[in-house]
Amino acid sequence: MYDGVSVSDKKLFEKNEIEHLPIPVKNYIINSGALGKEKVSTVRLKQKGLFNLNGKKWTKMKAEQYFNTDSCEFIWKAKASIM
């Protein structure tokens, strides 16, 4: 999933990339300050919460999720107690 990902590939988020988007989305991106910043290509999220396995009982879970935005891939690893 991370094959070919390089820390030195610093691409900037440019205004021409949002021209096709609806005006509210463009305004959000412009006001967020994201334009001109480095693009994010990989992300790791840590999660914890409750998961419903059978429609009846909620159980605690912890998870990590890894994203690669260049290849539109993700891996989600979760641990939940079944008992």
C-alpha atoms as a PDB file:
ATOM      1  CA  MET A   1       0.000   0.000   0.000  1.00  0.00           C
ATOM      2  CA  TYR A   2       2.865   2.380   0.712  1.00  0.00           C
ATOM      3  CA  ASP A   3       5.041   1.202  -2.197  1.00  0.00           C
ATOM      4  CA  GLY A   4       6.190   4.207  -4.160  1.00  0.00           C
ATOM      5  CA  VAL A   5       5.280   6.722  -1.436  1.00  0.00           C
ATOM      6  CA  SER A   6       8.097   9.184  -0.939  1.00  0.00           C
ATOM      7  CA  VAL A   7       8.497  11.866   1.694  1.00  0.00           C
ATOM      8  CA  SER A   8      10.360  13.993  -0.854  1.00  0.00           C
ATOM      9  CA  ASP A   9       7.361  14.132  -3.254  1.00  0.00           C
ATOM     10  CA  LYS A  10       5.995  17.425  -1.933  1.00  0.00           C
ATOM     11  CA  LYS A  11       3.058  18.408  -4.136  1.00  0.00           C
ATOM     12  CA  LEU A  12       1.104  21.542  -3.325  1.00  0.00           C
ATOM     13  CA  PHE A  13      -2.683  21.840  -3.331  1.00  0.00           C
ATOM     14  CA  GLU A  14      -3.362  24.311  -6.176  1.00  0.00           C
ATOM     15  CA  LYS A  15      -6.399  26.492  -6.911  1.00  0.00           C
ATOM     16  CA  ASN A  16      -6.906  24.958 -10.382  1.00  0.00           C
ATOM     17  CA  GLU A  17      -7.710  21.632  -8.670  1.00  0.00           C
ATOM     18  CA  ILE A  18     -10.931  23.017  -7.171  1.00  0.00           C
ATOM     19  CA  GLU A  19     -12.318  24.894 -10.198  1.00  0.00           C
ATOM     20  CA  HIS A  20     -14.828  22.119 -10.994  1.00  0.00           C
ATOM     21  CA  LEU A  21     -16.245  21.957  -7.446  1.00  0.00           C
ATOM     22  CA  PRO A  22     -19.496  23.569  -6.259  1.00  0.00           C
ATOM     23  CA  ILE A  23     -19.113  27.106  -4.854  1.00  0.00           C
ATOM     24  CA  PRO A  24     -19.756  26.125  -1.184  1.00  0.00           C
ATOM     25  CA  VAL A  25     -17.031  23.462  -1.392  1.00  0.00           C
ATOM     26  CA  LYS A  26     -14.602  25.891  -3.063  1.00  0.00           C
ATOM     27  CA  ASN A  27     -15.308  28.494  -0.381  1.00  0.00           C
ATOM     28  CA  TYR A  28     -14.709  25.947   2.368  1.00  0.00           C
ATOM     29  CA  ILE A  29     -11.370  24.894   0.908  1.00  0.00           C
ATOM     30  CA  ILE A  30     -10.261  28.504   0.342  1.00  0.00           C
ATOM     31  CA  ASN A  31     -11.292  29.576   3.864  1.00  0.00           C
ATOM     32  CA  SER A  32      -9.659  26.518   5.431  1.00  0.00           C
ATOM     33  CA  GLY A  33      -6.228  27.706   4.306  1.00  0.00           C
ATOM     34  CA  ALA A  34      -5.497  24.436   2.495  1.00  0.00           C
ATOM     35  CA  LEU A  35      -4.530  26.001  -0.831  1.00  0.00           C
ATOM     36  CA  GLY A  36      -0.794  26.261  -1.316  1.00  0.00           C
ATOM     37  CA  LYS A  37      -0.106  23.679   1.395  1.00  0.00           C
ATOM     38  CA  GLU A  38       1.470  20.252   0.912  1.00  0.00           C
ATOM     39  CA  LYS A  39      -0.926  17.506  -0.136  1.00  0.00           C
ATOM     40  CA  VAL A  40      -1.381  14.671   2.290  1.00  0.00           C
ATOM     41  CA  SER A  41      -0.787  11.267   0.715  1.00  0.00           C
ATOM     42  CA  THR A  42      -0.891   8.943   3.720  1.00  0.00           C
ATOM     43  CA  VAL A  43      -2.923   9.049   6.909  1.00  0.00           C
ATOM     44  CA  ARG A  44      -3.157   6.887  10.040  1.00  0.00           C
ATOM     45  CA  LEU A  45      -6.209   7.162  12.277  1.00  0.00           C
ATOM     46  CA  LYS A  46      -6.647   5.590  15.700  1.00  0.00           C
ATOM     47  CA  GLN A  47     -10.177   4.897  16.807  1.00  0.00           C
ATOM     48  CA  LYS A  48     -11.910   3.494  19.854  1.00  0.00           C
ATOM     49  CA  GLY A  49     -15.551   3.152  20.640  1.00  0.00           C
ATOM     50  CA  LEU A  50     -18.431   0.717  20.509  1.00  0.00           C
ATOM     51  CA  PHE A  51     -19.207  -1.788  17.759  1.00  0.00           C
ATOM     52  CA  ASN A  52     -22.436  -3.702  17.241  1.00  0.00           C
ATOM     53  CA  LEU A  53     -21.631  -7.181  15.951  1.00  0.00           C
ATOM     54  CA  ASN A  54     -25.036  -8.853  16.095  1.00  0.00           C
ATOM     55  CA  GLY A  55     -27.644  -6.102  16.229  1.00  0.00           C
ATOM     56  CA  LYS A  56     -28.199  -6.634  19.957  1.00  0.00           C
ATOM     57  CA  LYS A  57     -25.084  -6.083  22.032  1.00  0.00           C
ATOM     58  CA  TRP A  58     -22.560  -3.262  21.785  1.00  0.00           C
ATOM     59  CA  THR A  59     -18.950  -4.212  22.515  1.00  0.00           C
ATOM     60  CA  LYS A  60     -15.808  -2.107  23.008  1.00  0.00           C
ATOM     61  CA  MET A  61     -13.403  -1.905  20.093  1.00  0.00           C
ATOM     62  CA  LYS A  62     -10.096  -0.315  19.136  1.00  0.00           C
ATOM     63  CA  ALA A  63      -8.973   0.192  15.566  1.00  0.00           C
ATOM     64  CA  GLU A  64      -6.301   1.701  13.361  1.00  0.00           C
ATOM     65  CA  GLN A  65      -6.976   2.774   9.813  1.00  0.00           C
ATOM     66  CA  TYR A  66      -4.336   3.528   7.194  1.00  0.00           C
ATOM     67  CA  PHE A  67      -5.065   5.489   3.995  1.00  0.00           C
ATOM     68  CA  ASN A  68      -3.109   6.106   0.813  1.00  0.00           C
ATOM     69  CA  THR A  69      -4.811   8.951  -1.066  1.00  0.00           C
ATOM     70  CA  ASP A  70      -2.747   8.505  -4.241  1.00  0.00           C
ATOM     71  CA  SER A  71      -3.979   4.970  -4.888  1.00  0.00           C
ATOM     72  CA  CYS A  72      -7.343   5.231  -3.053  1.00  0.00           C
ATOM     73  CA  GLU A  73      -6.491   2.340  -0.719  1.00  0.00           C
ATOM     74  CA  PHE A  74      -7.150   1.799   2.959  1.00  0.00           C
ATOM     75  CA  ILE A  75      -6.592  -0.861   5.606  1.00  0.00           C
ATOM     76  CA  TRP A  76      -8.778  -1.033   8.701  1.00  0.00           C
ATOM     77  CA  LYS A  77      -7.558  -3.197  11.606  1.00  0.00           C
ATOM     78  CA  ALA A  78      -9.984  -3.541  14.502  1.00  0.00           C
ATOM     79  CA  LYS A  79     -10.052  -5.517  17.738  1.00  0.00           C
ATOM     80  CA  ALA A  80     -13.312  -6.175  19.529  1.00  0.00           C
ATOM     81  CA  SER A  81     -14.184  -8.630  22.254  1.00  0.00           C
ATOM     82  CA  ILE A  82     -16.799 -11.092  21.060  1.00  0.00           C
ATOM     83  CA  MET A  83     -17.786 -12.334  24.506  1.00  0.00           C
END
